[in-house]
């Protein structure tokens, strides 16, 4: 049974801080010190409390007009929704069932994209099929059919070269292409990446995504703010799809601010036997389910902390717990569990080699002066070489301590 002690000491305060940081920008009033119970404004939403974590509520439906101007307004959700689903179920609402790769290719050929972008998309789709990316294609097919393309003379917002908006059914791209390789990666990230996981149906108000709109409360059930639970992994997943669509071609040009979250997502998926396709189909809740099956009682804290770190890195806030420490704590607890089941240090080492090899095809790391592999985003980072060595040392030390304990208790038993 896992208990991430180091994380759980800070998780509540950091979740509250992160949610407040997001919600402050979405409130019409700059300050409202009156505590408000989460259910006091429930005509604007329907919610369901997470069974395993008392201060999170998933938002099952959301009325933007009724929430507008209140503390419950979610700026990142641009339209009301009556149904929240993931890509695996989107097809039944959109009338896009049993979509094949050939269907997607035909849709691309008949789309509004110009010949250049059609060619990039077709090559990307062929590479996804070649690399056995077995995600449900309904969301992607729907988005390509219904997309409006806006070409800006020079589109670059906060270092971003493109944007996909599922609520407006629009993709914004730059007319000016200075670097073809970088542009293709960005375009595939937006259209094939987010286009495979995010969608919105105007008539039935169905919202599809792989993260979960979530309200956050404190221990007294007072509303604190909102977050898109698992949002950091949504961007990581879009980038994984883009790199796969490039036939896993790695170069410095393809390095991005999502690399750190990609490493975390890929390691957690590999360690918990959650395929990338499963994550693309079912979203963050599938990974949580797999982690719990793997003996992890409360995976919410770790995933929430990863998203919090991503937000903190974006805003250049001081990091409370670096991602390297998060992953170290996670793997130490996993080692405890596996050693308690009887796994040897040699068996654990093989498992860790398997897990640490999960990112090789997707992320190009950089080296420090000691030739350690590093992945970083602004002030947050993981020294992957050091992390691997540290958890190896922990496994070895922990194994010897367990032997000493067994020997000690055996002697006590004999003496008794």
Protein backbone atom coordinates (compact mmCIF):
# COMPACT_ATOMS: atom_id res chain seq x y z
CA UNK A 1 0.00 0.00 0.00
CA UNK A 2 1.49 3.32 -1.01
CA UNK A 3 1.62 6.45 1.11
CA UNK A 4 3.56 9.32 -0.36
CA UNK A 5 4.39 10.94 2.96
CA UNK A 6 6.59 13.73 1.66
CA UNK A 7 3.95 14.87 -0.78
CA UNK A 8 0.91 14.48 1.45
CA UNK A 9 2.32 16.89 4.06
CA UNK A 10 2.07 19.74 1.56
CA UNK A 11 -0.56 18.61 -0.93
CA UNK A 12 -3.59 20.36 0.58
CA UNK A 13 -1.98 23.77 0.88
CA UNK A 14 -0.39 23.54 -2.55
CA UNK A 15 -3.60 22.38 -4.22
CA UNK A 16 -5.42 25.28 -2.62
CA UNK A 17 -2.70 27.68 -3.70
CA UNK A 18 -2.74 26.34 -7.25
CA UNK A 19 -6.52 26.45 -7.52
CA UNK A 20 -6.61 29.97 -6.12
CA UNK A 21 -3.97 31.07 -8.61
CA UNK A 22 -6.17 29.81 -11.44
CA UNK A 23 -9.50 31.01 -10.08
CA UNK A 24 -8.43 34.52 -9.14
CA UNK A 25 -8.03 35.34 -12.81
CA UNK A 26 -11.51 34.02 -13.51
CA UNK A 27 -13.40 36.02 -10.91
CA UNK A 28 -15.16 39.26 -11.74
CA UNK A 29 -14.57 40.55 -8.21
CA UNK A 30 -10.94 40.96 -7.25
CA UNK A 31 -11.51 39.88 -3.68
CA UNK A 32 -14.27 38.03 -1.89
CA UNK A 33 -13.39 36.97 1.63
CA UNK A 34 -16.79 35.44 2.39
CA UNK A 35 -16.48 31.67 2.63
CA UNK A 36 -18.89 29.98 0.23
CA UNK A 37 -19.94 26.37 0.46
CA UNK A 38 -19.41 24.37 -2.70
CA UNK A 39 -23.13 23.59 -3.09
CA UNK A 40 -24.45 27.14 -2.57
CA UNK A 41 -24.51 27.94 -6.29
CA UNK A 42 -25.36 24.53 -7.69
CA UNK A 43 -27.80 25.78 -10.35
CA UNK A 44 -24.69 26.61 -12.41
CA UNK A 45 -23.19 23.12 -12.30
CA UNK A 46 -23.60 19.52 -11.18
CA UNK A 47 -20.72 17.96 -9.30
CA UNK A 48 -19.57 14.64 -7.91
CA UNK A 49 -17.16 14.32 -5.01
CA UNK A 50 -14.09 12.16 -5.55
CA UNK A 51 -14.52 9.08 -3.38
CA UNK A 52 -10.90 8.89 -2.26
CA UNK A 53 -10.08 12.56 -1.80
CA UNK A 54 -12.45 14.85 0.12
CA UNK A 55 -11.54 18.26 -1.34
CA UNK A 56 -12.02 17.59 -5.07
CA UNK A 57 -15.29 17.60 -7.03
CA UNK A 58 -15.49 16.62 -10.71
CA UNK A 59 -17.82 18.93 -12.63
CA UNK A 60 -20.29 16.76 -14.53
CA UNK A 61 -22.19 19.64 -16.18
CA UNK A 62 -21.56 23.35 -16.37
CA UNK A 63 -23.70 26.38 -17.28
CA UNK A 64 -21.39 29.16 -18.38
CA UNK A 65 -24.08 31.87 -18.38
CA UNK A 66 -25.16 31.10 -14.81
CA UNK A 67 -21.56 30.81 -13.61
CA UNK A 68 -20.38 33.95 -15.41
CA UNK A 69 -19.19 36.66 -13.06
CA UNK A 70 -19.15 34.32 -10.06
CA UNK A 71 -16.30 32.55 -8.36
CA UNK A 72 -17.41 29.34 -10.10
CA UNK A 73 -16.68 30.60 -13.61
CA UNK A 74 -14.03 28.53 -15.39
CA UNK A 75 -12.24 30.74 -17.92
CA UNK A 76 -10.65 27.78 -19.64
CA UNK A 77 -14.05 26.24 -20.43
CA UNK A 78 -15.47 28.54 -23.10
CA UNK A 79 -18.96 27.02 -23.40
CA UNK A 80 -21.57 25.26 -21.28
CA UNK A 81 -21.71 21.48 -21.33
CA UNK A 82 -24.37 18.98 -20.34
CA UNK A 83 -22.20 15.89 -20.80
CA UNK A 84 -18.50 15.41 -20.09
CA UNK A 85 -16.88 12.44 -21.85
CA UNK A 86 -13.52 11.11 -23.04
CA UNK A 87 -12.54 10.19 -26.64
CA UNK A 88 -13.51 6.53 -26.23
CA UNK A 89 -17.19 7.57 -25.88
CA UNK A 90 -17.25 10.67 -28.06
CA UNK A 91 -18.16 8.79 -31.25
CA UNK A 92 -21.60 7.75 -29.97
CA UNK A 93 -22.52 11.40 -29.39
CA UNK A 94 -20.97 12.69 -32.62
CA UNK A 95 -22.18 9.93 -34.94
CA UNK A 96 -18.54 9.00 -35.65
CA UNK A 97 -18.45 5.30 -34.80
CA UNK A 98 -15.93 2.70 -35.94
CA UNK A 99 -13.70 5.25 -37.67
CA UNK A 100 -10.70 3.73 -39.49
CA UNK A 101 -7.38 5.20 -40.57
CA UNK A 102 -8.67 5.19 -44.14
CA UNK A 103 -11.71 7.21 -43.01
CA UNK A 104 -9.37 9.80 -41.48
CA UNK A 105 -7.26 9.97 -44.64
CA UNK A 106 -10.39 10.57 -46.72
CA UNK A 107 -11.52 13.26 -44.31
CA UNK A 108 -8.14 15.00 -44.58
CA UNK A 109 -8.29 14.91 -48.39
CA UNK A 110 -11.76 16.50 -48.30
CA UNK A 111 -10.90 19.04 -45.58
CA UNK A 112 -10.42 22.81 -45.81
CA UNK A 113 -6.66 22.55 -45.33
CA UNK A 114 -4.39 23.59 -48.19
CA UNK A 115 -2.23 21.00 -49.95
CA UNK A 116 0.82 21.63 -47.75
CA UNK A 117 -1.08 20.99 -44.50
CA UNK A 118 -2.95 18.03 -45.99
CA UNK A 119 0.38 16.45 -46.87
CA UNK A 120 1.74 17.00 -43.33
CA UNK A 121 -1.43 15.51 -41.82
CA UNK A 122 -1.46 12.49 -44.13
CA UNK A 123 2.17 11.67 -43.35
CA UNK A 124 1.44 12.12 -39.65
CA UNK A 125 -1.58 9.82 -39.75
CA UNK A 126 0.39 7.20 -41.67
CA UNK A 127 3.10 7.32 -38.99
CA UNK A 128 0.54 6.99 -36.19
CA UNK A 129 -0.86 3.89 -37.86
CA UNK A 130 2.64 2.53 -38.54
CA UNK A 131 3.58 2.97 -34.85
CA UNK A 132 0.41 1.18 -33.67
CA UNK A 133 -1.19 4.20 -32.04
CA UNK A 134 -4.50 2.48 -31.31
CA UNK A 135 -6.52 5.40 -29.99
CA UNK A 136 -10.16 5.88 -30.90
CA UNK A 137 -10.24 8.01 -34.07
CA UNK A 138 -13.75 9.46 -33.72
CA UNK A 139 -12.65 12.69 -32.06
CA UNK A 140 -9.91 13.33 -34.62
CA UNK A 141 -12.17 12.60 -37.59
CA UNK A 142 -14.88 14.91 -36.23
CA UNK A 143 -12.43 17.75 -35.61
CA UNK A 144 -10.82 17.58 -39.06
CA UNK A 145 -14.29 17.59 -40.66
CA UNK A 146 -15.45 20.64 -38.71
CA UNK A 147 -12.28 22.68 -38.31
CA UNK A 148 -12.02 26.32 -39.38
CA UNK A 149 -8.50 27.45 -40.21
CA UNK A 150 -7.23 30.91 -39.38
CA UNK A 151 -3.86 31.89 -40.81
CA UNK A 152 -2.30 34.76 -38.91
CA UNK A 153 0.46 36.86 -40.48
CA UNK A 154 2.62 36.18 -37.45
CA UNK A 155 0.98 34.09 -34.77
CA UNK A 156 3.09 33.72 -31.67
CA UNK A 157 1.53 34.00 -28.23
CA UNK A 158 3.74 33.34 -25.21
CA UNK A 159 6.15 31.44 -27.42
CA UNK A 160 3.35 29.29 -28.88
CA UNK A 161 3.27 28.99 -32.66
CA UNK A 162 -0.25 27.64 -33.02
CA UNK A 163 -3.48 27.02 -31.14
CA UNK A 164 -6.36 24.52 -31.30
CA UNK A 165 -9.72 25.65 -29.88
CA UNK A 166 -12.25 22.82 -29.67
CA UNK A 167 -15.05 25.13 -28.51
CA UNK A 168 -14.75 27.37 -31.56
CA UNK A 169 -13.75 24.49 -33.87
CA UNK A 170 -10.78 26.57 -34.96
CA UNK A 171 -7.06 26.17 -35.40
CA UNK A 172 -4.84 29.25 -35.64
CA UNK A 173 -1.61 28.92 -37.59
CA UNK A 174 1.14 31.23 -38.71
CA UNK A 175 1.49 32.17 -42.38
CA UNK A 176 5.15 32.88 -41.82
CA UNK A 177 7.05 29.61 -41.49
CA UNK A 178 10.64 30.29 -40.47
CA UNK A 179 11.54 26.74 -39.48
CA UNK A 180 9.76 23.93 -41.36
CA UNK A 181 10.68 21.17 -38.90
CA UNK A 182 9.53 23.12 -35.85
CA UNK A 183 6.36 24.26 -37.61
CA UNK A 184 5.38 20.68 -38.51
CA UNK A 185 5.82 19.56 -34.91
CA UNK A 186 3.69 22.46 -33.63
CA UNK A 187 0.99 21.87 -36.25
CA UNK A 188 0.83 18.14 -35.47
CA UNK A 189 0.75 18.88 -31.73
CA UNK A 190 -2.32 21.06 -32.24
CA UNK A 191 -4.26 19.21 -34.95
CA UNK A 192 -3.40 15.56 -34.39
CA UNK A 193 -2.53 15.90 -30.68
CA UNK A 194 -5.31 18.04 -29.24
CA UNK A 195 -7.52 17.15 -32.18
CA UNK A 196 -7.48 13.51 -30.99
CA UNK A 197 -8.42 14.27 -27.39
CA UNK A 198 -10.51 17.48 -27.23
CA UNK A 199 -13.84 18.21 -28.92
CA UNK A 200 -17.15 19.98 -28.40
CA UNK A 201 -20.63 19.38 -29.86
CA UNK A 202 -22.65 22.61 -29.99
CA UNK A 203 -26.12 21.09 -30.38
CA UNK A 204 -25.96 18.51 -27.59
CA UNK A 205 -23.38 20.41 -25.51
CA UNK A 206 -21.03 17.45 -25.17
CA UNK A 207 -17.51 18.30 -24.03
CA UNK A 208 -14.75 15.75 -24.65
CA UNK A 209 -11.31 15.91 -23.04
CA UNK A 210 -8.79 13.68 -21.26
CA UNK A 211 -8.47 15.93 -18.22
CA UNK A 212 -11.24 16.56 -15.68
CA UNK A 213 -12.78 19.96 -14.83
CA UNK A 214 -12.60 20.04 -11.04
CA UNK A 215 -13.65 22.33 -8.21
CA UNK A 216 -11.38 22.46 -5.18
CA UNK A 217 -12.52 23.05 -1.59
CA UNK A 218 -10.81 23.29 1.76
CA UNK A 219 -11.38 20.96 4.71
CA UNK A 220 -14.56 22.88 5.65
CA UNK A 221 -16.04 22.32 2.19
CA UNK A 222 -15.63 25.99 1.33
CA UNK A 223 -15.02 26.68 -2.36
CA UNK A 224 -11.40 27.58 -3.15
CA UNK A 225 -11.05 27.47 -6.93
CA UNK A 226 -11.00 25.25 -9.98
CA UNK A 227 -8.49 23.30 -12.01
CA UNK A 228 -8.42 21.03 -15.03
CA UNK A 229 -7.24 17.92 -13.21
CA UNK A 230 -4.50 16.23 -15.24
CA UNK A 231 -4.04 19.24 -17.54
CA UNK A 232 -0.24 18.95 -17.62
CA UNK A 233 -0.61 15.42 -19.00
CA UNK A 234 -3.07 16.65 -21.65
CA UNK A 235 -0.30 18.76 -23.17
CA UNK A 236 2.18 15.93 -22.71
CA UNK A 237 -0.17 13.56 -24.54
CA UNK A 238 -0.57 15.99 -27.46
CA UNK A 239 3.20 16.19 -27.77
CA UNK A 240 3.59 12.40 -27.60
CA UNK A 241 1.10 12.13 -30.48
CA UNK A 242 3.01 14.80 -32.43
CA UNK A 243 6.36 13.04 -31.98
CA UNK A 244 4.77 9.71 -32.98
CA UNK A 245 3.28 11.40 -36.05
CA UNK A 246 6.83 12.50 -36.93
CA UNK A 247 7.81 8.81 -36.77
CA UNK A 248 9.57 9.49 -33.45
CA UNK A 249 12.12 11.73 -35.13
CA UNK A 250 13.95 13.46 -32.28
CA UNK A 251 15.91 16.67 -32.67
CA UNK A 252 16.69 19.78 -30.66
CA UNK A 253 14.04 21.58 -32.72
CA UNK A 254 11.40 19.25 -31.31
CA UNK A 255 12.28 19.89 -27.68
CA UNK A 256 9.47 21.69 -25.90
CA UNK A 257 8.15 22.90 -22.57
CA UNK A 258 6.16 19.66 -22.35
CA UNK A 259 9.19 17.32 -22.24
CA UNK A 260 9.30 17.17 -18.44
CA UNK A 261 5.63 16.20 -18.17
CA UNK A 262 6.08 13.71 -21.02
CA UNK A 263 8.81 11.90 -19.07
CA UNK A 264 6.59 11.77 -15.97
CA UNK A 265 3.55 10.57 -17.91
CA UNK A 266 5.50 7.95 -19.88
CA UNK A 267 7.17 6.58 -16.73
CA UNK A 268 3.92 6.42 -14.76
CA UNK A 269 2.08 4.77 -17.65
CA UNK A 270 4.85 2.21 -18.16
CA UNK A 271 5.14 1.44 -14.44
CA UNK A 272 1.38 0.97 -14.12
CA UNK A 273 0.78 -0.87 -17.40
CA UNK A 274 -1.36 1.89 -18.85
CA UNK A 275 -0.71 2.12 -22.58
CA UNK A 276 -0.37 5.49 -24.30
CA UNK A 277 -3.38 4.59 -26.43
CA UNK A 278 -5.40 3.87 -23.28
CA UNK A 279 -4.49 7.27 -21.88
CA UNK A 280 -5.49 8.95 -25.16
CA UNK A 281 -8.82 7.09 -25.08
CA UNK A 282 -9.79 7.34 -21.41
CA UNK A 283 -7.70 10.16 -20.00
CA UNK A 284 -6.31 10.77 -16.54
CA UNK A 285 -8.92 8.57 -14.83
CA UNK A 286 -7.56 5.49 -16.62
CA UNK A 287 -4.08 6.10 -15.21
CA UNK A 288 -5.57 6.62 -11.74
CA UNK A 289 -7.46 3.34 -12.10
CA UNK A 290 -4.30 1.49 -13.14
CA UNK A 291 -2.28 3.02 -10.30
CA UNK A 292 -4.86 1.92 -7.77
CA UNK A 293 -4.84 -1.59 -9.23
CA UNK A 294 -1.08 -1.48 -8.72
CA UNK A 295 -1.55 -0.96 -4.99
CA UNK A 296 -1.39 2.84 -4.96
CA UNK A 297 -4.11 3.98 -2.60
CA UNK A 298 -4.20 7.66 -3.51
CA UNK A 299 -2.60 8.61 -6.83
CA UNK A 300 -4.49 11.91 -6.95
CA UNK A 301 -1.89 13.73 -4.89
CA UNK A 302 1.01 12.91 -7.18
CA UNK A 303 -0.85 13.87 -10.37
CA UNK A 304 -2.16 17.06 -8.76
CA UNK A 305 1.38 17.99 -7.72
CA UNK A 306 2.68 17.42 -11.26
CA UNK A 307 0.03 19.82 -12.62
CA UNK A 308 0.81 22.28 -9.84
CA UNK A 309 4.51 22.17 -10.74
CA UNK A 310 3.65 22.76 -14.40
CA UNK A 311 1.58 25.83 -13.51
CA UNK A 312 4.31 27.10 -11.18
CA UNK A 313 6.96 26.67 -13.87
CA UNK A 314 4.83 28.60 -16.39
CA UNK A 315 4.47 31.54 -14.00
CA UNK A 316 8.08 31.22 -12.77
CA UNK A 317 6.90 30.70 -9.19
CA UNK A 318 9.32 29.24 -6.68
CA UNK A 319 9.04 25.46 -6.62
CA UNK A 320 7.96 23.89 -3.34
CA UNK A 321 8.83 20.34 -4.42
CA UNK A 322 10.86 19.76 -7.57
CA UNK A 323 9.60 17.11 -9.97
CA UNK A 324 12.72 15.03 -9.34
CA UNK A 325 11.76 14.81 -5.66
CA UNK A 326 8.17 13.88 -6.57
CA UNK A 327 9.31 11.01 -8.76
CA UNK A 328 11.92 9.89 -6.21
CA UNK A 329 9.24 9.64 -3.51
CA UNK A 330 6.97 7.77 -5.89
CA UNK A 331 9.61 5.18 -6.85
CA UNK A 332 10.76 4.71 -3.24
CA UNK A 333 7.23 3.84 -2.24
CA UNK A 334 6.93 1.50 -5.23
CA UNK A 335 10.17 -0.22 -4.18
CA UNK A 336 8.81 -0.66 -0.65
CA UNK A 337 5.68 -2.30 -2.03
CA UNK A 338 7.53 -4.61 -4.41
CA UNK A 339 10.13 -5.66 -1.84
CA UNK A 340 7.35 -6.46 0.59
CA UNK A 341 5.97 -8.77 -2.10
CA UNK A 342 9.34 -10.54 -2.28
CA UNK A 343 11.00 -8.95 -5.31
CA UNK A 344 14.79 -8.96 -5.28
CA UNK A 345 17.00 -5.95 -5.97
CA UNK A 346 18.01 -7.50 -9.30
CA UNK A 347 14.35 -7.90 -10.33
CA UNK A 348 13.58 -4.33 -9.31
CA UNK A 349 16.55 -3.07 -11.31
CA UNK A 350 15.17 -4.75 -14.43
CA UNK A 351 11.78 -3.18 -13.76
CA UNK A 352 13.34 0.26 -13.39
CA UNK A 353 15.37 -0.13 -16.60
CA UNK A 354 12.10 -0.93 -18.37
CA UNK A 355 10.35 2.12 -16.87
CA UNK A 356 13.24 4.52 -17.42
CA UNK A 357 13.50 3.41 -21.04
CA UNK A 358 9.92 4.51 -21.72
CA UNK A 359 10.81 8.06 -22.78
CA UNK A 360 13.71 7.30 -25.15
CA UNK A 361 11.57 7.41 -28.30
CA UNK A 362 9.80 10.63 -27.37
CA UNK A 363 12.09 13.01 -25.50
CA UNK A 364 15.57 14.27 -26.32
CA UNK A 365 17.26 15.11 -23.02
CA UNK A 366 20.30 17.34 -22.55
CA UNK A 367 23.46 16.70 -20.55
CA UNK A 368 25.08 18.65 -17.73
CA UNK A 369 28.83 18.83 -17.09
CA UNK A 370 28.73 15.37 -15.47
CA UNK A 371 27.04 13.95 -18.58
CA UNK A 372 23.86 13.33 -16.59
CA UNK A 373 20.64 13.21 -18.61
CA UNK A 374 18.43 16.16 -17.69
CA UNK A 375 14.89 17.11 -18.62
CA UNK A 376 13.68 20.54 -17.50
CA UNK A 377 11.08 23.25 -17.84
CA UNK A 378 12.11 26.67 -16.56
CA UNK A 379 13.06 26.21 -12.88
CA UNK A 380 11.68 22.68 -12.59
CA UNK A 381 13.71 19.65 -13.64
CA UNK A 382 14.54 15.96 -13.27
CA UNK A 383 18.14 14.79 -13.33
CA UNK A 384 17.21 11.38 -14.74
CA UNK A 385 20.65 9.84 -14.24
CA UNK A 386 20.76 10.88 -10.58
CA UNK A 387 17.16 9.78 -10.01
CA UNK A 388 17.93 6.31 -11.35
CA UNK A 389 21.05 6.02 -9.18
CA UNK A 390 19.27 7.32 -6.08
CA UNK A 391 16.40 4.87 -6.30
CA UNK A 392 18.88 2.06 -6.99
CA UNK A 393 20.73 3.02 -3.82
CA UNK A 394 17.44 3.14 -1.94
CA UNK A 395 16.46 -0.32 -3.18
CA UNK A 396 19.82 -1.79 -2.17
CA UNK A 397 19.82 -0.14 1.27
CA UNK A 398 16.19 -0.97 1.91
CA UNK A 399 16.77 -4.60 0.97
CA UNK A 400 19.65 -4.90 3.42
CA UNK A 401 17.63 -3.21 6.17
CA UNK A 402 14.79 -5.69 5.59
CA UNK A 403 17.27 -8.59 5.88
CA UNK A 404 18.60 -7.17 9.15
CA UNK A 405 15.05 -6.76 10.48
CA UNK A 406 14.17 -10.35 9.54
CA UNK A 407 17.40 -11.61 11.13
CA UNK A 408 16.74 -9.57 14.28
CA UNK A 409 13.17 -10.79 14.70
CA UNK A 410 14.28 -14.35 13.98
CA UNK A 411 16.85 -14.14 16.82
CA UNK A 412 14.26 -12.63 19.18
CA UNK A 413 11.84 -15.44 18.30
CA UNK A 414 14.50 -18.10 18.98
CA UNK A 415 15.41 -16.48 22.31
CA UNK A 416 11.78 -16.36 23.32
